[in-house]
Amino acid sequence: MADETIAQPRPCTRCSRDALLNVHGCCPDCIGDMGLHHPDQHGTWRTELAELVRSGEITGG
């Protein structure tokens, strides 16, 4: 059965703005900004995200 929970905005840990899409704490604008302007920070974020996926703590479903 599908989850009928309505999505709620969550604050970004980086900019504190609420966003419906939040990937490992960051909103899409901050993910893009890190990728374009802060490659070291983006690399750390991606490494942490990959570890969470490998450990099964977060999934794509």
PDB file of N, CA and C in Angstrom:
ATOM      1  N   MET A   1       0.844  -1.187   0.000  1.00  0.00           N
ATOM      2  CA  MET A   1       0.000   0.000   0.000  1.00  0.00           C
ATOM      3  C   MET A   1       0.889   1.250   0.000  1.00  0.00           C
ATOM      4  N   ALA A   2       0.514   2.215  -0.779  1.00  0.00           N
ATOM      5  CA  ALA A   2       1.295   3.453  -0.893  1.00  0.00           C
ATOM      6  C   ALA A   2       1.189   4.272   0.385  1.00  0.00           C
ATOM      7  N   ASP A   3       2.277   4.948   0.703  1.00  0.00           N
ATOM      8  CA  ASP A   3       2.303   5.847   1.850  1.00  0.00           C
ATOM      9  C   ASP A   3       1.491   7.089   1.489  1.00  0.00           C
ATOM     10  N   GLU A   4       0.469   7.395   2.247  1.00  0.00           N
ATOM     11  CA  GLU A   4      -0.415   8.530   1.968  1.00  0.00           C
ATOM     12  C   GLU A   4      -0.018   9.789   2.744  1.00  0.00           C
ATOM     13  N   THR A   5       1.156   9.785   3.368  1.00  0.00           N
ATOM     14  CA  THR A   5       1.613  10.937   4.124  1.00  0.00           C
ATOM     15  C   THR A   5       1.862  12.114   3.188  1.00  0.00           C
ATOM     16  N   ILE A   6       1.400  13.273   3.579  1.00  0.00           N
ATOM     17  CA  ILE A   6       1.610  14.484   2.781  1.00  0.00           C
ATOM     18  C   ILE A   6       2.993  15.043   3.110  1.00  0.00           C
ATOM     19  N   ALA A   7       3.728  15.372   2.067  1.00  0.00           N
ATOM     20  CA  ALA A   7       5.080  15.917   2.257  1.00  0.00           C
ATOM     21  C   ALA A   7       5.016  17.244   3.003  1.00  0.00           C
ATOM     22  N   GLN A   8       5.966  17.422   3.886  1.00  0.00           N
ATOM     23  CA  GLN A   8       6.080  18.659   4.651  1.00  0.00           C
ATOM     24  C   GLN A   8       7.451  19.277   4.389  1.00  0.00           C
ATOM     25  N   PRO A   9       7.521  20.591   4.252  1.00  0.00           N
ATOM     26  CA  PRO A   9       8.820  21.240   4.057  1.00  0.00           C
ATOM     27  C   PRO A   9       9.735  20.993   5.260  1.00  0.00           C
ATOM     28  N   ARG A  10      11.020  20.868   4.977  1.00  0.00           N
ATOM     29  CA  ARG A  10      12.026  20.709   6.016  1.00  0.00           C
ATOM     30  C   ARG A  10      13.075  21.798   5.838  1.00  0.00           C
ATOM     31  N   PRO A  11      13.620  22.284   6.943  1.00  0.00           N
ATOM     32  CA  PRO A  11      14.646  23.323   6.813  1.00  0.00           C
ATOM     33  C   PRO A  11      15.974  22.744   6.316  1.00  0.00           C
ATOM     34  N   CYS A  12      16.616  23.481   5.467  1.00  0.00           N
ATOM     35  CA  CYS A  12      17.946  23.118   4.981  1.00  0.00           C
ATOM     36  C   CYS A  12      18.950  23.376   6.109  1.00  0.00           C
ATOM     37  N   THR A  13      19.862  22.453   6.316  1.00  0.00           N
ATOM     38  CA  THR A  13      20.862  22.633   7.367  1.00  0.00           C
ATOM     39  C   THR A  13      21.895  23.682   6.985  1.00  0.00           C
ATOM     40  N   ARG A  14      21.958  24.012   5.717  1.00  0.00           N
ATOM     41  CA  ARG A  14      22.963  24.967   5.239  1.00  0.00           C
ATOM     42  C   ARG A  14      22.432  26.395   5.199  1.00  0.00           C
ATOM     43  N   CYS A  15      21.208  26.593   4.672  1.00  0.00           N
ATOM     44  CA  CYS A  15      20.674  27.954   4.515  1.00  0.00           C
ATOM     45  C   CYS A  15      19.453  28.221   5.400  1.00  0.00           C
ATOM     46  N   SER A  16      18.932  27.206   6.017  1.00  0.00           N
ATOM     47  CA  SER A  16      17.772  27.283   6.927  1.00  0.00           C
ATOM     48  C   SER A  16      16.433  27.551   6.250  1.00  0.00           C
ATOM     49  N   ARG A  17      16.408  27.632   4.913  1.00  0.00           N
ATOM     50  CA  ARG A  17      15.126  27.811   4.219  1.00  0.00           C
ATOM     51  C   ARG A  17      14.384  26.481   4.165  1.00  0.00           C
ATOM     52  N   ASP A  18      13.049  26.541   4.230  1.00  0.00           N
ATOM     53  CA  ASP A  18      12.238  25.335   4.111  1.00  0.00           C
ATOM     54  C   ASP A  18      12.166  24.901   2.655  1.00  0.00           C
ATOM     55  N   ALA A  19      12.236  23.585   2.433  1.00  0.00           N
ATOM     56  CA  ALA A  19      12.137  23.043   1.082  1.00  0.00           C
ATOM     57  C   ALA A  19      11.469  21.674   1.151  1.00  0.00           C
ATOM     58  N   LEU A  20      10.642  21.373   0.141  1.00  0.00           N
ATOM     59  CA  LEU A  20      10.027  20.049   0.082  1.00  0.00           C
ATOM     60  C   LEU A  20      11.053  18.981  -0.285  1.00  0.00           C
ATOM     61  N   LEU A  21      12.012  19.328  -1.122  1.00  0.00           N
ATOM     62  CA  LEU A  21      13.085  18.399  -1.472  1.00  0.00           C
ATOM     63  C   LEU A  21      14.270  18.696  -0.566  1.00  0.00           C
ATOM     64  N   ASN A  22      14.682  17.682   0.158  1.00  0.00           N
ATOM     65  CA  ASN A  22      15.782  17.825   1.098  1.00  0.00           C
ATOM     66  C   ASN A  22      16.584  16.532   1.026  1.00  0.00           C
ATOM     67  N   VAL A  23      17.815  16.621   0.553  1.00  0.00           N
ATOM     68  CA  VAL A  23      18.665  15.442   0.403  1.00  0.00           C
ATOM     69  C   VAL A  23      19.793  15.535   1.413  1.00  0.00           C
ATOM     70  N   HIS A  24      19.775  14.629   2.369  1.00  0.00           N
ATOM     71  CA  HIS A  24      20.775  14.597   3.441  1.00  0.00           C
ATOM     72  C   HIS A  24      20.969  15.984   4.048  1.00  0.00           C
ATOM     73  N   GLY A  25      19.816  16.639   4.310  1.00  0.00           N
ATOM     74  CA  GLY A  25      19.839  17.914   5.018  1.00  0.00           C
ATOM     75  C   GLY A  25      19.906  19.156   4.164  1.00  0.00           C
ATOM     76  N   CYS A  26      20.170  19.011   2.866  1.00  0.00           N
ATOM     77  CA  CYS A  26      20.367  20.193   2.017  1.00  0.00           C
ATOM     78  C   CYS A  26      19.252  20.345   0.978  1.00  0.00           C
ATOM     79  N   CYS A  27      18.886  21.596   0.735  1.00  0.00           N
ATOM     80  CA  CYS A  27      17.908  21.901  -0.305  1.00  0.00           C
ATOM     81  C   CYS A  27      18.603  21.868  -1.678  1.00  0.00           C
ATOM     82  N   PRO A  28      17.837  21.788  -2.760  1.00  0.00           N
ATOM     83  CA  PRO A  28      18.438  21.748  -4.097  1.00  0.00           C
ATOM     84  C   PRO A  28      19.318  22.954  -4.421  1.00  0.00           C
ATOM     85  N   ASP A  29      18.923  24.143  -3.970  1.00  0.00           N
ATOM     86  CA  ASP A  29      19.738  25.339  -4.247  1.00  0.00           C
ATOM     87  C   ASP A  29      21.114  25.217  -3.605  1.00  0.00           C
ATOM     88  N   CYS A  30      21.164  24.729  -2.380  1.00  0.00           N
ATOM     89  CA  CYS A  30      22.451  24.593  -1.695  1.00  0.00           C
ATOM     90  C   CYS A  30      23.294  23.470  -2.305  1.00  0.00           C
ATOM     91  N   ILE A  31      22.654  22.390  -2.738  1.00  0.00           N
ATOM     92  CA  ILE A  31      23.397  21.311  -3.393  1.00  0.00           C
ATOM     93  C   ILE A  31      24.049  21.845  -4.664  1.00  0.00           C
ATOM     94  N   GLY A  32      23.287  22.608  -5.446  1.00  0.00           N
ATOM     95  CA  GLY A  32      23.839  23.208  -6.663  1.00  0.00           C
ATOM     96  C   GLY A  32      24.941  24.200  -6.372  1.00  0.00           C
ATOM     97  N   ASP A  33      24.749  25.025  -5.347  1.00  0.00           N
ATOM     98  CA  ASP A  33      25.761  26.014  -4.977  1.00  0.00           C
ATOM     99  C   ASP A  33      27.053  25.328  -4.544  1.00  0.00           C
ATOM    100  N   MET A  34      26.926  24.266  -3.756  1.00  0.00           N
ATOM    101  CA  MET A  34      28.131  23.531  -3.334  1.00  0.00           C
ATOM    102  C   MET A  34      28.849  22.960  -4.550  1.00  0.00           C
ATOM    103  N   GLY A  35      28.074  22.373  -5.477  1.00  0.00           N
ATOM    104  CA  GLY A  35      28.682  21.774  -6.666  1.00  0.00           C
ATOM    105  C   GLY A  35      29.391  22.780  -7.545  1.00  0.00           C
ATOM    106  N   LEU A  36      28.843  23.990  -7.631  1.00  0.00           N
ATOM    107  CA  LEU A  36      29.428  25.015  -8.495  1.00  0.00           C
ATOM    108  C   LEU A  36      30.511  25.848  -7.828  1.00  0.00           C
ATOM    109  N   HIS A  37      30.347  26.128  -6.531  1.00  0.00           N
ATOM    110  CA  HIS A  37      31.225  27.102  -5.880  1.00  0.00           C
ATOM    111  C   HIS A  37      32.034  26.571  -4.699  1.00  0.00           C
ATOM    112  N   HIS A  38      31.677  25.415  -4.189  1.00  0.00           N
ATOM    113  CA  HIS A  38      32.339  24.874  -3.002  1.00  0.00           C
ATOM    114  C   HIS A  38      32.586  23.374  -3.188  1.00  0.00           C
ATOM    115  N   PRO A  39      33.486  22.997  -4.101  1.00  0.00           N
ATOM    116  CA  PRO A  39      33.676  21.583  -4.434  1.00  0.00           C
ATOM    117  C   PRO A  39      34.115  20.722  -3.243  1.00  0.00           C
ATOM    118  N   ASP A  40      34.901  21.258  -2.320  1.00  0.00           N
ATOM    119  CA  ASP A  40      35.314  20.461  -1.161  1.00  0.00           C
ATOM    120  C   ASP A  40      34.109  20.134  -0.275  1.00  0.00           C
ATOM    121  N   GLN A  41      33.283  21.134  -0.040  1.00  0.00           N
ATOM    122  CA  GLN A  41      32.084  20.926   0.771  1.00  0.00           C
ATOM    123  C   GLN A  41      31.135  19.948   0.068  1.00  0.00           C
ATOM    124  N   HIS A  42      31.003  20.075  -1.247  1.00  0.00           N
ATOM    125  CA  HIS A  42      30.143  19.178  -2.021  1.00  0.00           C
ATOM    126  C   HIS A  42      30.664  17.748  -1.959  1.00  0.00           C
ATOM    127  N   GLY A  43      31.974  17.586  -2.065  1.00  0.00           N
ATOM    128  CA  GLY A  43      32.571  16.249  -1.987  1.00  0.00           C
ATOM    129  C   GLY A  43      32.326  15.594  -0.639  1.00  0.00           C
ATOM    130  N   THR A  44      32.435  16.368   0.430  1.00  0.00           N
ATOM    131  CA  THR A  44      32.169  15.838   1.775  1.00  0.00           C
ATOM    132  C   THR A  44      30.712  15.436   1.897  1.00  0.00           C
ATOM    133  N   TRP A  45      29.819  16.273   1.415  1.00  0.00           N
ATOM    134  CA  TRP A  45      28.387  15.977   1.458  1.00  0.00           C
ATOM    135  C   TRP A  45      28.080  14.688   0.685  1.00  0.00           C
ATOM    136  N   ARG A  46      28.652  14.551  -0.506  1.00  0.00           N
ATOM    137  CA  ARG A  46      28.418  13.346  -1.325  1.00  0.00           C
ATOM    138  C   ARG A  46      28.969  12.092  -0.659  1.00  0.00           C
ATOM    139  N   THR A  47      30.133  12.190  -0.029  1.00  0.00           N
ATOM    140  CA  THR A  47      30.721  11.050   0.663  1.00  0.00           C
ATOM    141  C   THR A  47      29.837  10.608   1.819  1.00  0.00           C
ATOM    142  N   GLU A  48      29.346  11.572   2.601  1.00  0.00           N
ATOM    143  CA  GLU A  48      28.451  11.249   3.716  1.00  0.00           C
ATOM    144  C   GLU A  48      27.159  10.620   3.209  1.00  0.00           C
ATOM    145  N   LEU A  49      26.608  11.160   2.133  1.00  0.00           N
ATOM    146  CA  LEU A  49      25.385  10.625   1.549  1.00  0.00           C
ATOM    147  C   LEU A  49      25.600   9.191   1.056  1.00  0.00           C
ATOM    148  N   ALA A  50      26.702   8.950   0.370  1.00  0.00           N
ATOM    149  CA  ALA A  50      26.996   7.601  -0.131  1.00  0.00           C
ATOM    150  C   ALA A  50      27.120   6.605   1.011  1.00  0.00           C
ATOM    151  N   GLU A  51      27.727   6.992   2.107  1.00  0.00           N
ATOM    152  CA  GLU A  51      27.860   6.100   3.262  1.00  0.00           C
ATOM    153  C   GLU A  51      26.496   5.769   3.862  1.00  0.00           C
ATOM    154  N   LEU A  52      25.621   6.753   3.945  1.00  0.00           N
ATOM    155  CA  LEU A  52      24.274   6.502   4.466  1.00  0.00           C
ATOM    156  C   LEU A  52      23.500   5.529   3.571  1.00  0.00           C
ATOM    157  N   VAL A  53      23.673   5.646   2.259  1.00  0.00           N
ATOM    158  CA  VAL A  53      23.022   4.727   1.335  1.00  0.00           C
ATOM    159  C   VAL A  53      23.623   3.329   1.471  1.00  0.00           C
ATOM    160  N   ARG A  54      24.945   3.222   1.527  1.00  0.00           N
ATOM    161  CA  ARG A  54      25.599   1.923   1.684  1.00  0.00           C
ATOM    162  C   ARG A  54      25.178   1.224   2.973  1.00  0.00           C
ATOM    163  N   SER A  55      25.042   1.980   4.045  1.00  0.00           N
ATOM    164  CA  SER A  55      24.698   1.388   5.336  1.00  0.00           C
ATOM    165  C   SER A  55      23.234   0.997   5.406  1.00  0.00           C
ATOM    166  N   GLY A  56      22.427   1.477   4.465  1.00  0.00           N
ATOM    167  CA  GLY A  56      21.004   1.182   4.476  1.00  0.00           C
ATOM    168  C   GLY A  56      20.208   2.141   5.345  1.00  0.00           C
ATOM    169  N   GLU A  57      20.886   3.141   5.925  1.00  0.00           N
ATOM    170  CA  GLU A  57      20.197   4.103   6.790  1.00  0.00           C
ATOM    171  C   GLU A  57      19.185   4.921   5.989  1.00  0.00           C
ATOM    172  N   ILE A  58      19.505   5.214   4.734  1.00  0.00           N
ATOM    173  CA  ILE A  58      18.537   5.851   3.858  1.00  0.00           C
ATOM    174  C   ILE A  58      18.447   5.028   2.572  1.00  0.00           C
ATOM    175  N   THR A  59      17.272   5.047   1.965  1.00  0.00           N
ATOM    176  CA  THR A  59      17.053   4.303   0.726  1.00  0.00           C
ATOM    177  C   THR A  59      16.373   5.206  -0.278  1.00  0.00           C
ATOM    178  N   GLY A  60      16.287   4.753  -1.477  1.00  0.00           N
ATOM    179  CA  GLY A  60      15.643   5.525  -2.534  1.00  0.00           C
ATOM    180  C   GLY A  60      14.142   5.325  -2.588  1.00  0.00           C
ATOM    181  N   GLY A  61      13.601   4.516  -1.698  1.00  0.00           N
ATOM    182  CA  GLY A  61      12.160   4.213  -1.795  1.00  0.00           C
ATOM    183  C   GLY A  61      11.301   4.806  -0.773  1.00  0.00           C
TER     184      GLY A  61
END
